[in-house]
N, C-alpha and C. Protein backbone atom coordinates (compact mmCIF):
# COMPACT_ATOMS: atom_id res chain seq x y z
N MET A 1 27.33 -32.57 -22.59
CA MET A 1 26.07 -32.46 -21.84
C MET A 1 24.96 -33.12 -22.65
N ASN A 2 24.25 -34.11 -22.03
CA ASN A 2 23.18 -34.76 -22.77
C ASN A 2 21.91 -33.93 -22.75
N THR A 3 20.93 -34.36 -23.51
CA THR A 3 19.70 -33.59 -23.67
C THR A 3 18.95 -33.42 -22.35
N ASN A 4 18.91 -34.48 -21.54
CA ASN A 4 18.18 -34.41 -20.27
C ASN A 4 18.80 -33.39 -19.32
N HIS A 5 20.14 -33.35 -19.29
CA HIS A 5 20.83 -32.38 -18.43
C HIS A 5 20.55 -30.96 -18.90
N PHE A 6 20.55 -30.77 -20.23
CA PHE A 6 20.28 -29.45 -20.78
C PHE A 6 18.87 -28.99 -20.43
N ARG A 7 17.90 -29.90 -20.55
CA ARG A 7 16.51 -29.55 -20.21
C ARG A 7 16.39 -29.18 -18.73
N LEU A 8 17.09 -29.92 -17.89
CA LEU A 8 17.05 -29.64 -16.46
C LEU A 8 17.61 -28.26 -16.15
N LEU A 9 18.72 -27.90 -16.83
CA LEU A 9 19.31 -26.58 -16.62
C LEU A 9 18.35 -25.48 -17.06
N VAL A 10 17.67 -25.69 -18.17
CA VAL A 10 16.72 -24.70 -18.66
C VAL A 10 15.59 -24.51 -17.66
N ILE A 11 15.06 -25.63 -17.13
CA ILE A 11 13.96 -25.56 -16.17
C ILE A 11 14.40 -24.84 -14.90
N LEU A 12 15.62 -25.17 -14.41
CA LEU A 12 16.13 -24.52 -13.21
C LEU A 12 16.34 -23.03 -13.42
N SER A 13 16.82 -22.66 -14.62
CA SER A 13 17.04 -21.25 -14.93
C SER A 13 15.74 -20.48 -14.95
N LEU A 14 14.71 -21.08 -15.56
CA LEU A 14 13.40 -20.42 -15.61
C LEU A 14 12.80 -20.28 -14.21
N LEU A 15 12.99 -21.31 -13.38
CA LEU A 15 12.50 -21.26 -12.01
C LEU A 15 13.18 -20.15 -11.23
N LEU A 16 14.51 -20.01 -11.42
CA LEU A 16 15.25 -18.96 -10.73
C LEU A 16 14.78 -17.58 -11.14
N LEU A 17 14.54 -17.38 -12.43
CA LEU A 17 14.05 -16.09 -12.91
C LEU A 17 12.68 -15.77 -12.33
N THR A 18 11.83 -16.80 -12.23
CA THR A 18 10.49 -16.62 -11.68
C THR A 18 10.55 -16.20 -10.21
N LEU A 19 11.45 -16.87 -9.45
CA LEU A 19 11.60 -16.55 -8.03
C LEU A 19 12.15 -15.14 -7.85
N GLN A 20 13.09 -14.75 -8.72
CA GLN A 20 13.64 -13.40 -8.62
C GLN A 20 12.58 -12.35 -8.89
N ALA A 21 11.73 -12.59 -9.87
CA ALA A 21 10.66 -11.64 -10.18
C ALA A 21 9.67 -11.56 -9.03
N ALA A 22 9.33 -12.73 -8.44
CA ALA A 22 8.38 -12.74 -7.33
C ALA A 22 8.92 -12.03 -6.11
N ALA A 23 10.25 -12.00 -5.99
CA ALA A 23 10.85 -11.40 -4.79
C ALA A 23 10.72 -9.89 -4.78
N THR A 24 10.58 -9.28 -5.95
CA THR A 24 10.50 -7.83 -6.00
C THR A 24 9.10 -7.32 -6.26
N THR A 25 8.19 -8.19 -6.70
CA THR A 25 6.84 -7.77 -6.99
C THR A 25 5.94 -8.01 -5.78
N PRO A 26 5.19 -7.00 -5.32
CA PRO A 26 4.32 -7.20 -4.17
C PRO A 26 3.30 -8.30 -4.41
N MET A 27 3.02 -9.08 -3.39
CA MET A 27 1.98 -10.08 -3.47
C MET A 27 0.64 -9.38 -3.58
N LEU A 28 -0.27 -9.90 -4.41
CA LEU A 28 -1.55 -9.26 -4.63
C LEU A 28 -2.61 -9.80 -3.70
N CYS A 29 -3.47 -8.92 -3.21
CA CYS A 29 -4.64 -9.35 -2.46
C CYS A 29 -5.76 -9.61 -3.45
N ASP A 30 -6.81 -10.27 -2.99
CA ASP A 30 -7.93 -10.60 -3.89
C ASP A 30 -9.05 -9.59 -3.80
N CYS A 31 -8.77 -8.37 -3.34
CA CYS A 31 -9.82 -7.36 -3.23
C CYS A 31 -9.36 -6.05 -3.85
N LYS A 32 -10.32 -5.29 -4.37
CA LYS A 32 -9.99 -4.04 -5.05
C LYS A 32 -11.21 -3.13 -5.04
N TRP A 33 -10.95 -1.85 -5.25
CA TRP A 33 -12.04 -0.89 -5.40
C TRP A 33 -12.64 -1.05 -6.79
N LYS A 34 -13.96 -0.85 -6.90
CA LYS A 34 -14.62 -0.96 -8.19
C LYS A 34 -14.91 0.42 -8.79
N HIS A 35 -14.27 1.45 -8.22
CA HIS A 35 -14.49 2.80 -8.72
C HIS A 35 -13.23 3.64 -8.49
N MET A 36 -13.14 4.71 -9.21
CA MET A 36 -12.13 5.74 -9.02
C MET A 36 -12.82 7.09 -9.15
N PRO A 37 -12.42 8.11 -8.41
CA PRO A 37 -11.31 8.09 -7.46
C PRO A 37 -11.68 7.40 -6.16
N VAL A 38 -10.68 7.00 -5.41
CA VAL A 38 -10.86 6.50 -4.05
C VAL A 38 -10.76 7.71 -3.13
N THR A 39 -11.80 7.94 -2.31
CA THR A 39 -11.81 9.12 -1.45
C THR A 39 -11.08 8.85 -0.13
N VAL A 40 -10.36 9.87 0.34
CA VAL A 40 -9.55 9.74 1.55
C VAL A 40 -9.91 10.87 2.51
N TYR A 41 -10.23 10.49 3.76
CA TYR A 41 -10.50 11.50 4.78
C TYR A 41 -9.38 11.49 5.82
N MET A 42 -8.87 12.65 6.15
CA MET A 42 -7.98 12.82 7.29
C MET A 42 -8.27 14.18 7.92
N ASP A 43 -8.06 14.28 9.22
CA ASP A 43 -8.39 15.51 9.93
C ASP A 43 -7.37 16.60 9.60
N PHE A 44 -7.77 17.53 8.74
CA PHE A 44 -6.82 18.56 8.30
C PHE A 44 -6.56 19.61 9.38
N ASN A 45 -7.31 19.57 10.49
CA ASN A 45 -7.05 20.48 11.60
C ASN A 45 -6.04 19.93 12.60
N SER A 46 -5.66 18.66 12.41
CA SER A 46 -4.74 18.04 13.37
C SER A 46 -3.32 18.58 13.19
N ARG A 47 -2.54 18.50 14.26
CA ARG A 47 -1.13 18.93 14.19
C ARG A 47 -0.38 18.13 13.13
N GLU A 48 -0.65 16.82 13.08
CA GLU A 48 0.09 15.97 12.15
C GLU A 48 -0.18 16.35 10.70
N TYR A 49 -1.45 16.63 10.39
CA TYR A 49 -1.76 16.98 9.01
C TYR A 49 -1.18 18.32 8.63
N THR A 50 -1.35 19.32 9.50
CA THR A 50 -0.86 20.65 9.16
C THR A 50 0.67 20.67 9.03
N THR A 51 1.34 19.80 9.79
CA THR A 51 2.80 19.74 9.71
C THR A 51 3.28 18.99 8.47
N TYR A 52 2.56 17.94 8.06
CA TYR A 52 3.04 17.06 7.00
C TYR A 52 2.08 17.01 5.81
N GLU A 53 1.39 18.11 5.57
CA GLU A 53 0.41 18.16 4.49
C GLU A 53 1.03 17.78 3.14
N THR A 54 2.18 18.36 2.83
CA THR A 54 2.81 18.10 1.52
C THR A 54 3.24 16.65 1.36
N PRO A 55 3.96 16.03 2.32
CA PRO A 55 4.32 14.61 2.17
C PRO A 55 3.11 13.70 2.04
N LEU A 56 2.03 14.00 2.78
CA LEU A 56 0.84 13.17 2.72
C LEU A 56 0.17 13.27 1.34
N LYS A 57 0.08 14.48 0.80
CA LYS A 57 -0.50 14.65 -0.54
C LYS A 57 0.40 14.03 -1.60
N ASN A 58 1.72 14.16 -1.44
CA ASN A 58 2.65 13.58 -2.40
C ASN A 58 2.54 12.06 -2.42
N ALA A 59 2.25 11.46 -1.27
CA ALA A 59 2.08 10.00 -1.21
C ALA A 59 0.91 9.57 -2.08
N MET A 60 -0.20 10.30 -2.01
CA MET A 60 -1.35 9.97 -2.84
C MET A 60 -1.04 10.16 -4.32
N ASN A 61 -0.35 11.25 -4.64
CA ASN A 61 -0.02 11.52 -6.04
C ASN A 61 0.95 10.49 -6.62
N SER A 62 1.80 9.91 -5.76
CA SER A 62 2.81 8.98 -6.27
C SER A 62 2.17 7.73 -6.86
N TRP A 63 1.06 7.27 -6.28
CA TRP A 63 0.39 6.09 -6.84
C TRP A 63 -0.27 6.42 -8.18
N LYS A 64 -0.79 7.63 -8.31
CA LYS A 64 -1.37 8.06 -9.59
C LYS A 64 -0.29 8.09 -10.67
N GLU A 65 0.88 8.64 -10.33
CA GLU A 65 1.98 8.72 -11.29
C GLU A 65 2.49 7.33 -11.67
N THR A 66 2.63 6.45 -10.69
CA THR A 66 3.19 5.13 -10.94
C THR A 66 2.26 4.26 -11.77
N THR A 67 0.95 4.51 -11.69
CA THR A 67 0.00 3.72 -12.47
C THR A 67 -0.49 4.46 -13.71
N SER A 68 0.22 5.53 -14.07
CA SER A 68 -0.13 6.32 -15.26
C SER A 68 -1.58 6.83 -15.21
N GLY A 69 -2.02 7.22 -14.00
CA GLY A 69 -3.34 7.80 -13.85
C GLY A 69 -4.47 6.81 -13.68
N LEU A 70 -4.18 5.51 -13.68
CA LEU A 70 -5.24 4.51 -13.55
C LEU A 70 -5.84 4.52 -12.15
N VAL A 71 -4.97 4.68 -11.15
CA VAL A 71 -5.40 4.71 -9.74
C VAL A 71 -5.18 6.12 -9.21
N TYR A 72 -6.20 6.71 -8.59
CA TYR A 72 -6.02 8.06 -8.06
C TYR A 72 -6.99 8.30 -6.91
N PHE A 73 -6.69 9.35 -6.13
CA PHE A 73 -7.43 9.65 -4.92
C PHE A 73 -8.06 11.03 -4.98
N GLU A 74 -9.10 11.19 -4.17
CA GLU A 74 -9.72 12.50 -3.96
C GLU A 74 -9.77 12.74 -2.46
N GLN A 75 -9.22 13.85 -2.01
CA GLN A 75 -9.17 14.11 -0.58
C GLN A 75 -10.47 14.74 -0.10
N ASN A 76 -10.99 14.20 1.00
CA ASN A 76 -12.22 14.69 1.61
C ASN A 76 -11.86 15.36 2.93
N PHE A 77 -12.22 16.61 3.11
CA PHE A 77 -11.89 17.36 4.32
C PHE A 77 -13.03 17.36 5.35
N PHE A 78 -14.14 16.71 5.03
CA PHE A 78 -15.31 16.80 5.91
C PHE A 78 -15.65 15.44 6.49
N SER A 79 -15.62 15.34 7.82
CA SER A 79 -15.80 14.05 8.50
C SER A 79 -17.20 13.48 8.33
N ASN A 80 -18.19 14.33 8.04
CA ASN A 80 -19.55 13.84 7.90
C ASN A 80 -19.86 13.35 6.50
N LYS A 81 -18.88 13.38 5.62
CA LYS A 81 -19.05 12.89 4.27
C LYS A 81 -18.37 11.52 4.16
N PRO A 82 -19.11 10.49 3.76
CA PRO A 82 -18.52 9.14 3.70
C PRO A 82 -17.28 9.11 2.82
N SER A 83 -16.25 8.40 3.27
CA SER A 83 -15.01 8.27 2.50
C SER A 83 -14.62 6.80 2.43
N ASP A 84 -13.90 6.45 1.39
CA ASP A 84 -13.44 5.07 1.22
C ASP A 84 -12.33 4.75 2.21
N ILE A 85 -11.40 5.67 2.36
CA ILE A 85 -10.26 5.47 3.27
C ILE A 85 -10.29 6.55 4.34
N THR A 86 -10.14 6.12 5.59
CA THR A 86 -10.06 7.05 6.71
C THR A 86 -8.67 6.96 7.33
N VAL A 87 -8.04 8.10 7.55
CA VAL A 87 -6.69 8.13 8.12
C VAL A 87 -6.75 8.70 9.53
N GLU A 88 -6.18 7.95 10.48
CA GLU A 88 -6.10 8.40 11.87
C GLU A 88 -4.64 8.60 12.26
N PHE A 89 -4.38 9.67 13.02
CA PHE A 89 -3.06 9.89 13.60
C PHE A 89 -3.12 9.46 15.06
N VAL A 90 -2.32 8.47 15.43
CA VAL A 90 -2.39 7.89 16.77
C VAL A 90 -1.03 7.98 17.44
N SER A 91 -1.02 7.81 18.77
CA SER A 91 0.24 7.91 19.51
C SER A 91 1.07 6.64 19.44
N SER A 92 0.42 5.50 19.26
CA SER A 92 1.15 4.24 19.18
C SER A 92 0.25 3.16 18.59
N ILE A 93 0.90 2.08 18.09
CA ILE A 93 0.18 0.92 17.57
C ILE A 93 0.86 -0.32 18.16
N ASP A 94 0.06 -1.23 18.69
CA ASP A 94 0.61 -2.45 19.27
C ASP A 94 1.22 -3.33 18.18
N GLY A 95 2.23 -4.11 18.57
CA GLY A 95 2.78 -5.08 17.63
C GLY A 95 4.29 -5.04 17.50
N GLY A 96 4.94 -3.97 17.91
CA GLY A 96 6.39 -3.89 17.81
C GLY A 96 7.06 -4.67 18.92
N GLU A 97 8.29 -5.07 18.69
CA GLU A 97 9.06 -5.73 19.74
C GLU A 97 10.55 -5.51 19.49
N GLY A 98 11.33 -5.58 20.55
CA GLY A 98 12.77 -5.39 20.42
C GLY A 98 13.10 -3.99 19.94
N ASP A 99 13.94 -3.92 18.91
CA ASP A 99 14.36 -2.63 18.36
C ASP A 99 13.45 -2.14 17.26
N PHE A 100 12.27 -2.72 17.13
CA PHE A 100 11.35 -2.32 16.08
C PHE A 100 10.06 -1.79 16.67
N THR A 101 9.50 -0.81 15.99
CA THR A 101 8.24 -0.22 16.43
C THR A 101 7.32 -0.09 15.23
N VAL A 102 6.04 -0.28 15.45
CA VAL A 102 5.06 -0.18 14.37
C VAL A 102 4.73 1.29 14.15
N VAL A 103 4.85 1.74 12.92
CA VAL A 103 4.57 3.15 12.61
C VAL A 103 3.39 3.33 11.68
N GLY A 104 2.81 2.23 11.19
CA GLY A 104 1.66 2.35 10.31
C GLY A 104 0.88 1.06 10.27
N GLN A 105 -0.42 1.18 10.04
CA GLN A 105 -1.29 0.01 9.95
C GLN A 105 -2.43 0.30 9.00
N ALA A 106 -2.77 -0.69 8.18
CA ALA A 106 -3.92 -0.57 7.28
C ALA A 106 -4.85 -1.75 7.51
N GLN A 107 -6.14 -1.48 7.56
CA GLN A 107 -7.12 -2.54 7.77
C GLN A 107 -8.28 -2.37 6.79
N PRO A 108 -8.22 -3.10 5.68
CA PRO A 108 -9.30 -3.01 4.69
C PRO A 108 -10.49 -3.88 5.08
N LEU A 109 -11.68 -3.45 4.71
CA LEU A 109 -12.90 -4.22 4.85
C LEU A 109 -13.40 -4.56 3.46
N TYR A 110 -13.74 -5.80 3.24
CA TYR A 110 -14.07 -6.24 1.89
C TYR A 110 -15.09 -7.37 1.94
N ARG A 111 -15.66 -7.66 0.80
CA ARG A 111 -16.49 -8.85 0.63
C ARG A 111 -16.23 -9.37 -0.76
N GLY A 112 -15.91 -10.66 -0.84
CA GLY A 112 -15.53 -11.22 -2.13
C GLY A 112 -14.27 -10.53 -2.63
N ASP A 113 -14.31 -10.01 -3.86
CA ASP A 113 -13.14 -9.32 -4.40
C ASP A 113 -13.31 -7.81 -4.38
N THR A 114 -14.30 -7.32 -3.64
CA THR A 114 -14.60 -5.88 -3.63
C THR A 114 -14.19 -5.24 -2.31
N MET A 115 -13.42 -4.17 -2.40
CA MET A 115 -13.03 -3.38 -1.24
C MET A 115 -14.12 -2.34 -0.98
N TYR A 116 -14.52 -2.21 0.30
CA TYR A 116 -15.57 -1.26 0.65
C TYR A 116 -15.07 -0.12 1.54
N SER A 117 -14.06 -0.37 2.35
CA SER A 117 -13.48 0.70 3.16
C SER A 117 -12.11 0.25 3.65
N CYS A 118 -11.34 1.21 4.12
CA CYS A 118 -10.02 0.88 4.65
C CYS A 118 -9.64 1.95 5.67
N ASN A 119 -9.16 1.50 6.83
CA ASN A 119 -8.73 2.41 7.87
C ASN A 119 -7.21 2.37 7.99
N ILE A 120 -6.60 3.53 7.96
CA ILE A 120 -5.14 3.65 8.12
C ILE A 120 -4.85 4.35 9.43
N LYS A 121 -3.91 3.80 10.19
CA LYS A 121 -3.41 4.45 11.39
C LYS A 121 -1.94 4.78 11.20
N LEU A 122 -1.57 6.02 11.49
CA LEU A 122 -0.20 6.48 11.35
C LEU A 122 0.32 7.01 12.68
N VAL A 123 1.52 6.57 13.05
CA VAL A 123 2.19 7.11 14.23
C VAL A 123 3.24 8.10 13.73
N ILE A 124 3.08 9.37 14.08
CA ILE A 124 4.00 10.40 13.62
C ILE A 124 4.56 11.15 14.82
N PRO A 125 5.72 10.72 15.35
CA PRO A 125 6.31 11.44 16.48
C PRO A 125 6.67 12.87 16.09
N THR A 126 6.64 13.78 17.04
CA THR A 126 6.98 15.18 16.79
C THR A 126 8.39 15.30 16.22
N GLY A 127 8.53 16.06 15.13
CA GLY A 127 9.84 16.31 14.57
C GLY A 127 10.36 15.25 13.62
N VAL A 128 9.56 14.22 13.32
CA VAL A 128 10.04 13.17 12.43
C VAL A 128 10.19 13.71 11.01
N ASP A 129 11.10 13.13 10.26
CA ASP A 129 11.37 13.57 8.90
C ASP A 129 10.15 13.36 8.00
N GLY A 130 9.86 14.36 7.16
CA GLY A 130 8.73 14.25 6.25
C GLY A 130 8.86 13.12 5.26
N GLY A 131 10.09 12.74 4.92
CA GLY A 131 10.29 11.63 3.99
C GLY A 131 9.78 10.32 4.55
N LEU A 132 9.98 10.11 5.86
CA LEU A 132 9.48 8.89 6.50
C LEU A 132 7.95 8.88 6.51
N VAL A 133 7.34 10.01 6.79
CA VAL A 133 5.89 10.11 6.78
C VAL A 133 5.35 9.73 5.40
N ARG A 134 5.99 10.24 4.37
CA ARG A 134 5.53 9.93 3.02
C ARG A 134 5.71 8.45 2.71
N ARG A 135 6.85 7.87 3.09
CA ARG A 135 7.09 6.45 2.81
C ARG A 135 6.05 5.57 3.49
N VAL A 136 5.80 5.84 4.78
CA VAL A 136 4.86 5.00 5.52
C VAL A 136 3.45 5.15 4.95
N PHE A 137 3.02 6.37 4.67
CA PHE A 137 1.67 6.59 4.14
C PHE A 137 1.53 5.97 2.74
N THR A 138 2.55 6.10 1.92
CA THR A 138 2.52 5.48 0.59
C THR A 138 2.36 3.98 0.73
N HIS A 139 3.10 3.38 1.66
CA HIS A 139 3.04 1.95 1.92
C HIS A 139 1.62 1.53 2.34
N GLU A 140 1.04 2.26 3.29
CA GLU A 140 -0.28 1.89 3.78
C GLU A 140 -1.36 2.09 2.72
N LEU A 141 -1.22 3.12 1.90
CA LEU A 141 -2.15 3.29 0.78
C LEU A 141 -2.07 2.10 -0.18
N GLY A 142 -0.86 1.57 -0.35
CA GLY A 142 -0.70 0.38 -1.20
C GLY A 142 -1.52 -0.79 -0.68
N HIS A 143 -1.53 -0.98 0.66
CA HIS A 143 -2.36 -2.03 1.24
C HIS A 143 -3.84 -1.76 0.97
N CYS A 144 -4.26 -0.51 1.13
CA CYS A 144 -5.66 -0.16 0.92
C CYS A 144 -6.08 -0.30 -0.54
N LEU A 145 -5.12 -0.34 -1.44
CA LEU A 145 -5.42 -0.54 -2.85
C LEU A 145 -5.40 -2.01 -3.25
N GLY A 146 -4.95 -2.87 -2.33
CA GLY A 146 -4.97 -4.30 -2.61
C GLY A 146 -3.62 -4.97 -2.68
N LEU A 147 -2.54 -4.27 -2.35
CA LEU A 147 -1.21 -4.85 -2.39
C LEU A 147 -0.83 -5.41 -1.02
N GLY A 148 -0.14 -6.55 -1.03
CA GLY A 148 0.41 -7.10 0.20
C GLY A 148 1.85 -6.67 0.34
N HIS A 149 2.57 -7.28 1.28
CA HIS A 149 3.99 -6.98 1.45
C HIS A 149 4.80 -7.62 0.34
N SER A 150 5.87 -6.96 -0.08
CA SER A 150 6.79 -7.57 -1.03
C SER A 150 7.46 -8.74 -0.31
N SER A 151 7.85 -9.75 -1.07
CA SER A 151 8.32 -10.99 -0.47
C SER A 151 9.81 -10.99 -0.16
N GLN A 152 10.48 -9.89 -0.41
CA GLN A 152 11.91 -9.83 -0.12
C GLN A 152 12.23 -8.51 0.57
N TYR A 153 12.77 -8.58 1.78
CA TYR A 153 13.04 -7.36 2.54
C TYR A 153 14.02 -6.44 1.81
N GLY A 154 14.94 -7.02 1.05
CA GLY A 154 15.96 -6.20 0.42
C GLY A 154 15.53 -5.55 -0.87
N SER A 155 14.30 -5.80 -1.33
CA SER A 155 13.85 -5.20 -2.58
C SER A 155 13.64 -3.71 -2.39
N GLN A 156 13.51 -3.00 -3.47
CA GLN A 156 13.27 -1.55 -3.42
C GLN A 156 11.78 -1.21 -3.40
N SER A 157 10.94 -2.23 -3.37
CA SER A 157 9.50 -2.00 -3.36
C SER A 157 9.09 -1.16 -2.16
N ILE A 158 8.15 -0.25 -2.38
CA ILE A 158 7.61 0.55 -1.28
C ILE A 158 6.81 -0.35 -0.34
N MET A 159 6.48 -1.57 -0.78
CA MET A 159 5.67 -2.49 0.00
C MET A 159 6.48 -3.46 0.84
N ARG A 160 7.78 -3.26 0.96
CA ARG A 160 8.52 -4.15 1.85
C ARG A 160 8.13 -3.85 3.29
N PRO A 161 8.05 -4.88 4.15
CA PRO A 161 7.38 -4.72 5.43
C PRO A 161 8.20 -4.10 6.55
N ILE A 162 9.52 -4.10 6.46
CA ILE A 162 10.29 -3.59 7.59
C ILE A 162 11.41 -2.66 7.13
N ASP A 163 11.94 -1.93 8.09
CA ASP A 163 13.12 -1.10 7.87
C ASP A 163 12.93 -0.08 6.77
N VAL A 164 11.75 0.53 6.69
CA VAL A 164 11.48 1.49 5.63
C VAL A 164 12.26 2.78 5.80
N ASN A 165 12.99 2.90 6.90
CA ASN A 165 13.72 4.14 7.17
C ASN A 165 15.19 4.06 6.77
N SER A 166 15.60 2.94 6.19
CA SER A 166 17.02 2.76 5.86
C SER A 166 17.27 2.93 4.36
N GLY A 167 17.42 4.16 3.94
CA GLY A 167 17.75 4.43 2.55
C GLY A 167 16.65 4.09 1.57
N SER A 168 15.41 3.99 2.05
CA SER A 168 14.31 3.61 1.18
C SER A 168 13.86 4.80 0.34
N SER A 169 13.42 4.50 -0.87
CA SER A 169 12.79 5.52 -1.68
C SER A 169 11.35 5.68 -1.20
N TYR A 170 10.80 6.90 -1.32
CA TYR A 170 9.40 7.07 -0.96
C TYR A 170 8.50 6.99 -2.17
N GLN A 171 9.05 6.61 -3.31
CA GLN A 171 8.28 6.49 -4.54
C GLN A 171 8.03 5.01 -4.85
N PRO A 172 6.80 4.62 -5.17
CA PRO A 172 6.56 3.24 -5.59
C PRO A 172 7.42 2.89 -6.80
N THR A 173 7.87 1.65 -6.87
CA THR A 173 8.68 1.21 -8.00
C THR A 173 7.79 0.86 -9.19
N SER A 174 8.42 0.60 -10.31
CA SER A 174 7.67 0.18 -11.49
C SER A 174 6.96 -1.15 -11.24
N ASP A 175 7.59 -2.04 -10.42
CA ASP A 175 6.95 -3.31 -10.06
C ASP A 175 5.67 -3.05 -9.26
N ASP A 176 5.75 -2.10 -8.34
CA ASP A 176 4.56 -1.74 -7.55
C ASP A 176 3.45 -1.25 -8.48
N GLY A 177 3.81 -0.36 -9.39
CA GLY A 177 2.83 0.18 -10.32
C GLY A 177 2.25 -0.88 -11.24
N ASP A 178 3.10 -1.79 -11.72
CA ASP A 178 2.63 -2.86 -12.60
C ASP A 178 1.66 -3.78 -11.88
N ALA A 179 1.93 -4.02 -10.57
CA ALA A 179 1.03 -4.87 -9.79
C ALA A 179 -0.36 -4.23 -9.70
N LEU A 180 -0.42 -2.93 -9.47
CA LEU A 180 -1.72 -2.25 -9.40
C LEU A 180 -2.38 -2.17 -10.77
N LYS A 181 -1.60 -1.99 -11.80
CA LYS A 181 -2.18 -1.98 -13.15
C LYS A 181 -2.84 -3.32 -13.46
N GLN A 182 -2.25 -4.39 -12.95
CA GLN A 182 -2.83 -5.72 -13.14
C GLN A 182 -4.15 -5.84 -12.38
N ILE A 183 -4.17 -5.36 -11.14
CA ILE A 183 -5.38 -5.44 -10.32
C ILE A 183 -6.51 -4.61 -10.93
N TYR A 184 -6.17 -3.40 -11.40
CA TYR A 184 -7.19 -2.45 -11.84
C TYR A 184 -7.30 -2.33 -13.36
N SER A 185 -6.83 -3.32 -14.07
CA SER A 185 -6.89 -3.27 -15.53
C SER A 185 -8.33 -3.18 -16.03
N PHE A 186 -9.30 -3.72 -15.25
CA PHE A 186 -10.70 -3.68 -15.67
C PHE A 186 -11.23 -2.26 -15.78
N LEU A 187 -10.60 -1.30 -15.05
CA LEU A 187 -11.08 0.08 -15.09
C LEU A 187 -10.85 0.74 -16.45
N GLN A 188 -9.91 0.20 -17.22
CA GLN A 188 -9.65 0.78 -18.53
C GLN A 188 -10.85 0.58 -19.45
N ALA A 189 -11.60 -0.51 -19.22
CA ALA A 189 -12.79 -0.77 -20.03
C ALA A 189 -14.05 -0.21 -19.37
N THR A 190 -14.08 -0.27 -18.04
CA THR A 190 -15.24 0.22 -17.27
C THR A 190 -14.74 1.13 -16.17
N PRO A 191 -14.63 2.43 -16.42
CA PRO A 191 -14.03 3.34 -15.45
C PRO A 191 -14.69 3.35 -14.07
N THR A 192 -15.99 3.21 -14.00
CA THR A 192 -16.69 3.27 -12.72
C THR A 192 -17.76 2.20 -12.66
N GLN A 193 -17.81 1.50 -11.52
CA GLN A 193 -18.86 0.52 -11.27
C GLN A 193 -19.55 0.87 -9.96
N ALA A 194 -20.86 1.01 -9.99
CA ALA A 194 -21.60 1.33 -8.78
C ALA A 194 -21.57 0.13 -7.83
N THR A 195 -21.37 0.39 -6.54
CA THR A 195 -21.35 -0.67 -5.55
C THR A 195 -22.24 -0.29 -4.38
N THR A 196 -22.92 -1.29 -3.83
CA THR A 196 -23.75 -1.10 -2.65
C THR A 196 -23.13 -1.90 -1.52
N THR A 197 -22.87 -1.24 -0.39
CA THR A 197 -22.21 -1.92 0.72
C THR A 197 -23.12 -3.00 1.29
N PRO A 198 -22.66 -4.26 1.34
CA PRO A 198 -23.47 -5.35 1.90
C PRO A 198 -23.58 -5.23 3.42
N ASP A 199 -24.49 -6.01 4.00
CA ASP A 199 -24.71 -5.95 5.44
C ASP A 199 -23.51 -6.45 6.24
N THR A 200 -22.80 -7.45 5.72
CA THR A 200 -21.65 -8.00 6.44
C THR A 200 -20.40 -7.90 5.58
N LEU A 201 -19.30 -7.55 6.23
CA LEU A 201 -18.02 -7.41 5.54
C LEU A 201 -16.97 -8.21 6.29
N ALA A 202 -15.97 -8.68 5.54
CA ALA A 202 -14.84 -9.36 6.16
C ALA A 202 -13.73 -8.34 6.39
N SER A 203 -12.93 -8.58 7.41
CA SER A 203 -11.81 -7.70 7.72
C SER A 203 -10.51 -8.42 7.43
N ALA A 204 -9.64 -7.78 6.68
CA ALA A 204 -8.33 -8.37 6.41
C ALA A 204 -7.46 -8.25 7.65
N CYS A 205 -6.44 -9.07 7.71
CA CYS A 205 -5.49 -8.96 8.81
C CYS A 205 -4.85 -7.58 8.78
N CYS A 206 -4.57 -7.03 9.96
CA CYS A 206 -3.90 -5.73 10.03
C CYS A 206 -2.50 -5.85 9.45
N LEU A 207 -2.21 -5.06 8.46
CA LEU A 207 -0.90 -5.10 7.81
C LEU A 207 -0.09 -3.91 8.31
N THR A 208 1.09 -4.17 8.85
CA THR A 208 1.83 -3.11 9.53
C THR A 208 3.19 -2.86 8.91
N VAL A 209 3.70 -1.68 9.18
CA VAL A 209 5.07 -1.32 8.80
C VAL A 209 5.86 -1.17 10.07
N ALA A 210 7.05 -1.69 10.11
CA ALA A 210 7.90 -1.51 11.28
C ALA A 210 9.28 -1.06 10.83
N HIS A 211 9.96 -0.31 11.65
CA HIS A 211 11.32 0.11 11.32
C HIS A 211 12.07 0.35 12.61
N SER A 212 13.37 0.56 12.53
CA SER A 212 14.17 0.79 13.72
C SER A 212 13.60 1.96 14.52
N LYS A 213 13.65 1.85 15.82
CA LYS A 213 13.06 2.88 16.68
C LYS A 213 13.64 4.26 16.40
N LEU A 214 12.79 5.26 16.40
CA LEU A 214 13.22 6.64 16.10
C LEU A 214 14.00 7.20 17.27
């Protein structure tokens, strides 16, 4: 093997390793919260919340654990108190087709690289498994924190976009946590930054989760 062939093999090997890493690491958005905790409002009097209170709270705690406490939430029970993230329980979300149905949606509002609010919609049919509720909510919280979909459906990332009901873990992976640590590394030096909501905000595309029909 001559030198040029050897160099080519090295380059191809490095490229393959890079692609493999990218396949399991969620794509990053260019927006993030400039403060912690991120406050979350959901109607605690609703049937969905009272039925799935533990899975919903565990979803929030899982991101704190995966990021070693760098990212964390505070739950707000009062609708008249402004919150960063608002969670709605809805009967359906448009966008599914064939054997797939949309069970979650996140829509962040941002300007520049700063996240100002995020709305989550969850479809929770009566009697659905609490593990699915936790997986979907964990996934949508990931979007609200600045993560996109993982680039490979077969990865174990909580951020993969489809089929979250097929043997998926409801815990974010180390890759998921590392991605958020990268986004929020500035908080280690400056824990809180005051932000004033500007007059106009941009809306990100609605990011959805779909899985086989229940």
